[in-house]
Amino acid sequence: MSTDTLLRVEKGNAEPEELAAITAILLARAAATPEAATIPRSQAGWRRLERTPGFRGPRSWQG
């Protein structure tokens, strides 16, 4: 992979030192990610709207 396409500056001009600093930060954050976050779930973290009941009570905290 070419280093020219690794990061792209959208606005302004970044010096090589600035690009190196942001690259180091991103790599450190990626390395600090807990292993549990990378294991796929067996169930979705969201619910499908068509599977929810049609009526919720007026005092319900959901929705």
C-alpha atoms as a PDB file:
ATOM      1  CA  MET A   1       0.000   0.000   0.000  1.00  0.00           C
ATOM      2  CA  SER A   2       1.348   3.391  -0.896  1.00  0.00           C
ATOM      3  CA  THR A   3       1.783   5.929   1.901  1.00  0.00           C
ATOM      4  CA  ASP A   4       0.322   8.577  -0.417  1.00  0.00           C
ATOM      5  CA  THR A   5      -3.119   6.949  -0.209  1.00  0.00           C
ATOM      6  CA  LEU A   6      -3.034   5.876   3.433  1.00  0.00           C
ATOM      7  CA  LEU A   7      -4.328   9.231   4.710  1.00  0.00           C
ATOM      8  CA  ARG A   8      -5.868  12.100   2.839  1.00  0.00           C
ATOM      9  CA  VAL A   9      -6.006  15.700   4.019  1.00  0.00           C
ATOM     10  CA  GLU A  10      -9.385  17.183   3.122  1.00  0.00           C
ATOM     11  CA  LYS A  11      -8.645  20.806   3.952  1.00  0.00           C
ATOM     12  CA  GLY A  12      -5.356  22.569   4.524  1.00  0.00           C
ATOM     13  CA  ASN A  13      -1.828  21.236   4.256  1.00  0.00           C
ATOM     14  CA  ALA A  14      -0.553  18.693   6.754  1.00  0.00           C
ATOM     15  CA  GLU A  15       3.149  18.370   7.371  1.00  0.00           C
ATOM     16  CA  PRO A  16       4.719  14.889   7.388  1.00  0.00           C
ATOM     17  CA  GLU A  17       5.175  15.156  11.172  1.00  0.00           C
ATOM     18  CA  GLU A  18       1.454  15.829  11.636  1.00  0.00           C
ATOM     19  CA  LEU A  19       0.514  12.845   9.490  1.00  0.00           C
ATOM     20  CA  ALA A  20       2.949  10.675  11.448  1.00  0.00           C
ATOM     21  CA  ALA A  21       1.389  11.839  14.730  1.00  0.00           C
ATOM     22  CA  ILE A  22      -2.185  11.080  13.682  1.00  0.00           C
ATOM     23  CA  THR A  23      -1.102   7.719  12.261  1.00  0.00           C
ATOM     24  CA  ALA A  24       0.550   6.847  15.596  1.00  0.00           C
ATOM     25  CA  ILE A  25      -2.611   7.824  17.481  1.00  0.00           C
ATOM     26  CA  LEU A  26      -4.855   5.756  15.216  1.00  0.00           C
ATOM     27  CA  LEU A  27      -2.581   2.714  15.450  1.00  0.00           C
ATOM     28  CA  ALA A  28      -2.418   3.024  19.250  1.00  0.00           C
ATOM     29  CA  ARG A  29      -6.206   3.198  19.493  1.00  0.00           C
ATOM     30  CA  ALA A  30      -6.594   0.197  17.212  1.00  0.00           C
ATOM     31  CA  ALA A  31      -4.123  -1.795  19.324  1.00  0.00           C
ATOM     32  CA  ALA A  32      -5.908  -0.813  22.560  1.00  0.00           C
ATOM     33  CA  THR A  33      -9.270  -2.201  21.400  1.00  0.00           C
ATOM     34  CA  PRO A  34     -10.365  -4.999  23.734  1.00  0.00           C
ATOM     35  CA  GLU A  35     -10.483  -8.457  22.211  1.00  0.00           C
ATOM     36  CA  ALA A  36     -14.131  -8.859  23.230  1.00  0.00           C
ATOM     37  CA  ALA A  37     -15.123  -6.021  20.917  1.00  0.00           C
ATOM     38  CA  THR A  38     -13.810  -7.894  17.894  1.00  0.00           C
ATOM     39  CA  ILE A  39     -15.757 -11.113  18.555  1.00  0.00           C
ATOM     40  CA  PRO A  40     -18.958 -11.113  16.494  1.00  0.00           C
ATOM     41  CA  ARG A  41     -22.207 -11.388  18.393  1.00  0.00           C
ATOM     42  CA  SER A  42     -24.645 -14.200  17.867  1.00  0.00           C
ATOM     43  CA  GLN A  43     -27.506 -11.720  18.073  1.00  0.00           C
ATOM     44  CA  ALA A  44     -28.023  -8.283  16.584  1.00  0.00           C
ATOM     45  CA  GLY A  45     -27.649  -5.302  18.910  1.00  0.00           C
ATOM     46  CA  TRP A  46     -30.794  -3.719  17.528  1.00  0.00           C
ATOM     47  CA  ARG A  47     -34.406  -4.792  17.073  1.00  0.00           C
ATOM     48  CA  ARG A  48     -36.374  -4.873  13.884  1.00  0.00           C
ATOM     49  CA  LEU A  49     -39.350  -2.542  13.976  1.00  0.00           C
ATOM     50  CA  GLU A  50     -41.702  -5.060  12.396  1.00  0.00           C
ATOM     51  CA  ARG A  51     -41.114  -7.425  15.333  1.00  0.00           C
ATOM     52  CA  THR A  52     -42.094  -4.954  18.026  1.00  0.00           C
ATOM     53  CA  PRO A  53     -45.637  -4.869  19.368  1.00  0.00           C
ATOM     54  CA  GLY A  54     -47.935  -2.428  17.641  1.00  0.00           C
ATOM     55  CA  PHE A  55     -48.989  -0.589  20.772  1.00  0.00           C
ATOM     56  CA  ARG A  56     -46.972   0.735  23.663  1.00  0.00           C
ATOM     57  CA  GLY A  57     -48.587   2.193  26.716  1.00  0.00           C
ATOM     58  CA  PRO A  58     -48.642   5.972  27.184  1.00  0.00           C
ATOM     59  CA  ARG A  59     -46.286   5.691  30.169  1.00  0.00           C
ATOM     60  CA  SER A  60     -43.852   3.355  28.467  1.00  0.00           C
ATOM     61  CA  TRP A  61     -40.172   4.332  28.443  1.00  0.00           C
ATOM     62  CA  GLN A  62     -39.661   2.610  25.081  1.00  0.00           C
ATOM     63  CA  GLY A  63     -40.128   4.944  22.153  1.00  0.00           C
END
